[in-house]
Amino acid sequence: MDSATRLLKILVDSPIGVVSPAIALLNLPDWWLAGGAVRNPG
């Protein structure tokens, strides 16, 4: 498994996997996912 696939699996299985798509549905013009959310997903 390459590193991109591994990262995607980790993020999808974490709260980010729920929150990120929900935020995307809001169609906000400019939002950011902070690095800490990726570094400490659980």
PDB file of N, CA and C in Angstrom:
ATOM      1  N   MET A   1       0.864  -1.175   0.000  1.00  0.00           N
ATOM      2  CA  MET A   1       0.000   0.000   0.000  1.00  0.00           C
ATOM      3  C   MET A   1       0.908   1.235   0.000  1.00  0.00           C
ATOM      4  N   ASP A   2       0.658   2.146  -0.936  1.00  0.00           N
ATOM      5  CA  ASP A   2       1.475   3.360  -0.978  1.00  0.00           C
ATOM      6  C   ASP A   2       1.025   4.349   0.102  1.00  0.00           C
ATOM      7  N   SER A   3       1.834   5.360   0.346  1.00  0.00           N
ATOM      8  CA  SER A   3       1.562   6.291   1.440  1.00  0.00           C
ATOM      9  C   SER A   3       0.283   7.105   1.231  1.00  0.00           C
ATOM     10  N   ALA A   4      -0.040   7.459  -0.007  1.00  0.00           N
ATOM     11  CA  ALA A   4      -1.267   8.227  -0.268  1.00  0.00           C
ATOM     12  C   ALA A   4      -2.503   7.388   0.043  1.00  0.00           C
ATOM     13  N   THR A   5      -2.474   6.122  -0.324  1.00  0.00           N
ATOM     14  CA  THR A   5      -3.606   5.225  -0.052  1.00  0.00           C
ATOM     15  C   THR A   5      -3.745   5.005   1.450  1.00  0.00           C
ATOM     16  N   ARG A   6      -2.611   4.845   2.121  1.00  0.00           N
ATOM     17  CA  ARG A   6      -2.632   4.646   3.577  1.00  0.00           C
ATOM     18  C   ARG A   6      -3.199   5.872   4.280  1.00  0.00           C
ATOM     19  N   LEU A   7      -2.766   7.074   3.876  1.00  0.00           N
ATOM     20  CA  LEU A   7      -3.281   8.303   4.474  1.00  0.00           C
ATOM     21  C   LEU A   7      -4.783   8.428   4.239  1.00  0.00           C
ATOM     22  N   LEU A   8      -5.224   8.148   3.035  1.00  0.00           N
ATOM     23  CA  LEU A   8      -6.651   8.226   2.726  1.00  0.00           C
ATOM     24  C   LEU A   8      -7.451   7.279   3.614  1.00  0.00           C
ATOM     25  N   LYS A   9      -6.973   6.055   3.813  1.00  0.00           N
ATOM     26  CA  LYS A   9      -7.664   5.087   4.665  1.00  0.00           C
ATOM     27  C   LYS A   9      -7.738   5.585   6.102  1.00  0.00           C
ATOM     28  N   ILE A  10      -6.631   6.146   6.603  1.00  0.00           N
ATOM     29  CA  ILE A  10      -6.621   6.673   7.975  1.00  0.00           C
ATOM     30  C   ILE A  10      -7.636   7.799   8.118  1.00  0.00           C
ATOM     31  N   LEU A  11      -7.658   8.719   7.161  1.00  0.00           N
ATOM     32  CA  LEU A  11      -8.550   9.875   7.262  1.00  0.00           C
ATOM     33  C   LEU A  11     -10.014   9.495   7.094  1.00  0.00           C
ATOM     34  N   VAL A  12     -10.301   8.567   6.195  1.00  0.00           N
ATOM     35  CA  VAL A  12     -11.692   8.152   5.978  1.00  0.00           C
ATOM     36  C   VAL A  12     -12.239   7.453   7.226  1.00  0.00           C
ATOM     37  N   ASP A  13     -11.385   6.695   7.911  1.00  0.00           N
ATOM     38  CA  ASP A  13     -11.811   5.967   9.101  1.00  0.00           C
ATOM     39  C   ASP A  13     -11.792   6.808  10.372  1.00  0.00           C
ATOM     40  N   SER A  14     -11.507   8.101  10.262  1.00  0.00           N
ATOM     41  CA  SER A  14     -11.445   8.984  11.425  1.00  0.00           C
ATOM     42  C   SER A  14     -12.601   9.986  11.378  1.00  0.00           C
ATOM     43  N   PRO A  15     -12.751  10.802  12.410  1.00  0.00           N
ATOM     44  CA  PRO A  15     -13.794  11.837  12.378  1.00  0.00           C
ATOM     45  C   PRO A  15     -13.670  12.783  11.179  1.00  0.00           C
ATOM     46  N   ILE A  16     -12.473  12.957  10.654  1.00  0.00           N
ATOM     47  CA  ILE A  16     -12.289  13.814   9.481  1.00  0.00           C
ATOM     48  C   ILE A  16     -13.073  13.267   8.296  1.00  0.00           C
ATOM     49  N   GLY A  17     -13.189  11.952   8.216  1.00  0.00           N
ATOM     50  CA  GLY A  17     -13.941  11.326   7.130  1.00  0.00           C
ATOM     51  C   GLY A  17     -15.418  11.672   7.158  1.00  0.00           C
ATOM     52  N   VAL A  18     -15.926  12.054   8.313  1.00  0.00           N
ATOM     53  CA  VAL A  18     -17.325  12.478   8.449  1.00  0.00           C
ATOM     54  C   VAL A  18     -17.445  13.993   8.323  1.00  0.00           C
ATOM     55  N   VAL A  19     -16.579  14.704   9.019  1.00  0.00           N
ATOM     56  CA  VAL A  19     -16.662  16.160   9.083  1.00  0.00           C
ATOM     57  C   VAL A  19     -16.342  16.822   7.746  1.00  0.00           C
ATOM     58  N   SER A  20     -15.294  16.360   7.088  1.00  0.00           N
ATOM     59  CA  SER A  20     -14.865  16.998   5.842  1.00  0.00           C
ATOM     60  C   SER A  20     -15.943  16.975   4.757  1.00  0.00           C
ATOM     61  N   PRO A  21     -16.578  15.837   4.474  1.00  0.00           N
ATOM     62  CA  PRO A  21     -17.653  15.866   3.474  1.00  0.00           C
ATOM     63  C   PRO A  21     -18.836  16.742   3.904  1.00  0.00           C
ATOM     64  N   ALA A  22     -19.133  16.759   5.208  1.00  0.00           N
ATOM     65  CA  ALA A  22     -20.236  17.599   5.694  1.00  0.00           C
ATOM     66  C   ALA A  22     -19.928  19.074   5.473  1.00  0.00           C
ATOM     67  N   ILE A  23     -18.697  19.481   5.734  1.00  0.00           N
ATOM     68  CA  ILE A  23     -18.303  20.870   5.508  1.00  0.00           C
ATOM     69  C   ILE A  23     -18.358  21.192   4.017  1.00  0.00           C
ATOM     70  N   ALA A  24     -17.928  20.260   3.188  1.00  0.00           N
ATOM     71  CA  ALA A  24     -17.946  20.485   1.739  1.00  0.00           C
ATOM     72  C   ALA A  24     -19.370  20.740   1.236  1.00  0.00           C
ATOM     73  N   LEU A  25     -20.358  20.104   1.856  1.00  0.00           N
ATOM     74  CA  LEU A  25     -21.755  20.305   1.452  1.00  0.00           C
ATOM     75  C   LEU A  25     -22.251  21.722   1.729  1.00  0.00           C
ATOM     76  N   LEU A  26     -21.584  22.429   2.636  1.00  0.00           N
ATOM     77  CA  LEU A  26     -21.987  23.796   2.958  1.00  0.00           C
ATOM     78  C   LEU A  26     -21.598  24.790   1.866  1.00  0.00           C
ATOM     79  N   ASN A  27     -20.727  24.364   0.952  1.00  0.00           N
ATOM     80  CA  ASN A  27     -20.267  25.220  -0.149  1.00  0.00           C
ATOM     81  C   ASN A  27     -19.731  26.563   0.341  1.00  0.00           C
ATOM     82  N   LEU A  28     -18.941  26.518   1.400  1.00  0.00           N
ATOM     83  CA  LEU A  28     -18.325  27.734   1.904  1.00  0.00           C
ATOM     84  C   LEU A  28     -17.275  28.217   0.905  1.00  0.00           C
ATOM     85  N   PRO A  29     -17.168  29.515   0.685  1.00  0.00           N
ATOM     86  CA  PRO A  29     -16.259  30.017  -0.340  1.00  0.00           C
ATOM     87  C   PRO A  29     -14.782  29.817  -0.011  1.00  0.00           C
ATOM     88  N   ASP A  30     -14.428  29.799   1.280  1.00  0.00           N
ATOM     89  CA  ASP A  30     -13.023  29.700   1.644  1.00  0.00           C
ATOM     90  C   ASP A  30     -12.898  29.089   3.029  1.00  0.00           C
ATOM     91  N   TRP A  31     -12.587  27.791   3.083  1.00  0.00           N
ATOM     92  CA  TRP A  31     -12.394  27.152   4.380  1.00  0.00           C
ATOM     93  C   TRP A  31     -11.140  26.303   4.308  1.00  0.00           C
ATOM     94  N   TRP A  32     -10.563  26.042   5.479  1.00  0.00           N
ATOM     95  CA  TRP A  32      -9.302  25.324   5.557  1.00  0.00           C
ATOM     96  C   TRP A  32      -9.399  24.197   6.582  1.00  0.00           C
ATOM     97  N   LEU A  33      -8.758  23.111   6.277  1.00  0.00           N
ATOM     98  CA  LEU A  33      -8.589  22.023   7.226  1.00  0.00           C
ATOM     99  C   LEU A  33      -7.202  22.181   7.818  1.00  0.00           C
ATOM    100  N   ALA A  34      -7.117  22.455   9.111  1.00  0.00           N
ATOM    101  CA  ALA A  34      -5.829  22.727   9.750  1.00  0.00           C
ATOM    102  C   ALA A  34      -4.980  21.461   9.849  1.00  0.00           C
ATOM    103  N   GLY A  35      -3.679  21.664   9.856  1.00  0.00           N
ATOM    104  CA  GLY A  35      -2.736  20.557   9.903  1.00  0.00           C
ATOM    105  C   GLY A  35      -2.912  19.657  11.124  1.00  0.00           C
ATOM    106  N   GLY A  36      -3.299  20.217  12.248  1.00  0.00           N
ATOM    107  CA  GLY A  36      -3.512  19.402  13.447  1.00  0.00           C
ATOM    108  C   GLY A  36      -4.631  18.398  13.278  1.00  0.00           C
ATOM    109  N   ALA A  37      -5.612  18.718  12.476  1.00  0.00           N
ATOM    110  CA  ALA A  37      -6.712  17.784  12.227  1.00  0.00           C
ATOM    111  C   ALA A  37      -6.228  16.558  11.459  1.00  0.00           C
ATOM    112  N   VAL A  38      -5.229  16.754  10.627  1.00  0.00           N
ATOM    113  CA  VAL A  38      -4.657  15.629   9.877  1.00  0.00           C
ATOM    114  C   VAL A  38      -3.645  14.886  10.739  1.00  0.00           C
ATOM    115  N   ARG A  39      -2.837  15.619  11.491  1.00  0.00           N
ATOM    116  CA  ARG A  39      -1.810  15.005  12.319  1.00  0.00           C
ATOM    117  C   ARG A  39      -2.402  14.216  13.468  1.00  0.00           C
ATOM    118  N   ASN A  40      -3.495  14.699  14.063  1.00  0.00           N
ATOM    119  CA  ASN A  40      -4.121  14.055  15.224  1.00  0.00           C
ATOM    120  C   ASN A  40      -5.584  13.728  14.914  1.00  0.00           C
ATOM    121  N   PRO A  41      -5.841  12.802  13.988  1.00  0.00           N
ATOM    122  CA  PRO A  41      -7.223  12.599  13.543  1.00  0.00           C
ATOM    123  C   PRO A  41      -8.139  11.929  14.565  1.00  0.00           C
ATOM    124  N   GLY A  42      -7.626  11.304  15.552  1.00  0.00           N
ATOM    125  CA  GLY A  42      -8.501  10.572  16.462  1.00  0.00           C
ATOM    126  C   GLY A  42      -8.402  11.079  17.802  1.00  0.00           C
TER     127      GLY A  42
END
